[in-house]
Protein backbone atom coordinates (compact mmCIF):
# COMPACT_ATOMS: atom_id res chain seq x y z
CA UNK A 1 -83.36 48.96 14.79
CA UNK A 2 -80.75 49.56 17.58
CA UNK A 3 -82.52 47.39 19.94
CA UNK A 4 -82.69 44.55 17.64
CA UNK A 5 -78.80 44.79 16.89
CA UNK A 6 -78.19 45.15 20.73
CA UNK A 7 -80.21 41.99 21.24
CA UNK A 8 -78.40 40.11 18.33
CA UNK A 9 -75.07 41.21 19.82
CA UNK A 10 -76.06 39.65 23.26
CA UNK A 11 -77.14 36.51 21.70
CA UNK A 12 -73.85 35.96 19.73
CA UNK A 13 -71.68 37.05 22.67
CA UNK A 14 -69.38 34.22 23.92
CA UNK A 15 -70.39 32.15 26.77
CA UNK A 16 -67.36 33.06 28.65
CA UNK A 17 -67.61 36.84 28.63
CA UNK A 18 -66.25 37.25 32.14
CA UNK A 19 -63.35 35.99 34.05
CA UNK A 20 -63.88 33.10 36.28
CA UNK A 21 -62.37 32.67 40.01
CA UNK A 22 -61.89 29.93 42.48
CA UNK A 23 -61.32 30.71 46.00
CA UNK A 24 -59.62 28.40 48.80
CA UNK A 25 -59.14 30.25 51.93
CA UNK A 26 -57.14 33.33 51.20
CA UNK A 27 -55.86 31.79 48.05
CA UNK A 28 -57.46 32.57 44.52
CA UNK A 29 -57.04 31.91 40.96
CA UNK A 30 -58.59 33.95 38.33
CA UNK A 31 -59.16 32.66 34.79
CA UNK A 32 -59.42 34.68 31.61
CA UNK A 33 -60.75 33.90 28.19
CA UNK A 34 -57.63 35.90 26.71
CA UNK A 35 -54.72 33.83 25.32
CA UNK A 36 -51.92 33.27 27.63
CA UNK A 37 -49.19 35.75 27.13
CA UNK A 38 -46.86 34.85 29.96
CA UNK A 39 -43.52 33.87 28.27
CA UNK A 40 -42.36 32.20 31.48
CA UNK A 41 -45.38 29.90 31.62
CA UNK A 42 -45.29 29.31 27.84
CA UNK A 43 -41.63 28.39 28.20
CA UNK A 44 -42.74 25.02 30.01
CA UNK A 45 -45.11 23.84 27.16
CA UNK A 46 -44.18 22.57 23.72
CA UNK A 47 -45.11 25.29 21.18
CA UNK A 48 -47.99 23.28 19.70
CA UNK A 49 -49.85 23.73 23.00
CA UNK A 50 -49.41 27.50 23.39
CA UNK A 51 -52.54 28.26 21.65
CA UNK A 52 -54.55 25.73 24.02
CA UNK A 53 -53.74 27.91 27.01
CA UNK A 54 -55.50 30.90 28.16
CA UNK A 55 -54.18 33.72 30.59
CA UNK A 56 -54.69 33.26 34.39
CA UNK A 57 -53.38 34.71 37.62
CA UNK A 58 -53.21 33.64 41.07
CA UNK A 59 -52.61 34.70 44.80
CA UNK A 60 -51.30 31.84 46.70
CA UNK A 61 -50.15 32.32 50.13
CA UNK A 62 -50.14 36.14 49.66
CA UNK A 63 -47.74 35.71 46.62
CA UNK A 64 -48.97 36.83 43.14
CA UNK A 65 -48.35 34.33 40.29
CA UNK A 66 -48.72 34.51 36.43
CA UNK A 67 -50.41 31.36 35.05
CA UNK A 68 -52.06 29.92 32.12
CA UNK A 69 -54.98 27.46 31.95
CA UNK A 70 -56.92 25.11 29.71
CA UNK A 71 -59.76 22.85 30.23
CA UNK A 72 -58.93 19.24 30.78
CA UNK A 73 -61.66 16.87 31.17
CA UNK A 74 -64.10 18.31 33.93
CA UNK A 75 -61.29 20.60 35.37
CA UNK A 76 -59.16 23.53 34.73
CA UNK A 77 -55.47 22.47 34.25
CA UNK A 78 -53.38 25.54 35.64
CA UNK A 79 -49.82 25.84 35.01
CA UNK A 80 -48.00 28.49 37.12
CA UNK A 81 -44.85 30.62 36.47
CA UNK A 82 -42.84 28.64 38.77
CA UNK A 83 -43.55 25.30 36.97
CA UNK A 84 -46.10 24.08 39.58
CA UNK A 85 -49.55 23.02 38.15
CA UNK A 86 -52.75 21.95 39.59
CA UNK A 87 -56.40 20.96 38.61
CA UNK A 88 -59.48 23.06 39.66
CA UNK A 89 -62.82 21.33 39.19
CA UNK A 90 -64.77 23.38 36.86
CA UNK A 91 -67.78 23.25 39.36
CA UNK A 92 -65.51 25.24 41.72
CA UNK A 93 -65.29 28.19 39.32
CA UNK A 94 -67.63 31.16 39.61
CA UNK A 95 -68.08 34.27 37.56
CA UNK A 96 -65.83 37.17 38.93
CA UNK A 97 -67.76 39.96 40.21
CA UNK A 98 -66.55 43.28 39.04
CA UNK A 99 -67.22 45.95 41.66
């Protein structure tokens, strides 16, 4: 019985269970499925869009940044804490390996 419950739980688990990451040289952007909770980033967005964005973080030029993201067309639209933003093609995102 426990095996059947485990199998059922695996089938209904969300498809986006792990964080995703994109690398470009020494830079990386990590995308989570958790809601965005960065007040600084959310401050750049109208309140009606807050629930569309998920949590993210980045290391760019050695600097850590809080960020939020959402899918926009075939890309992840990332908004950083300094107000900068960018698009990462969804094909460039890979599941993050947890060591």
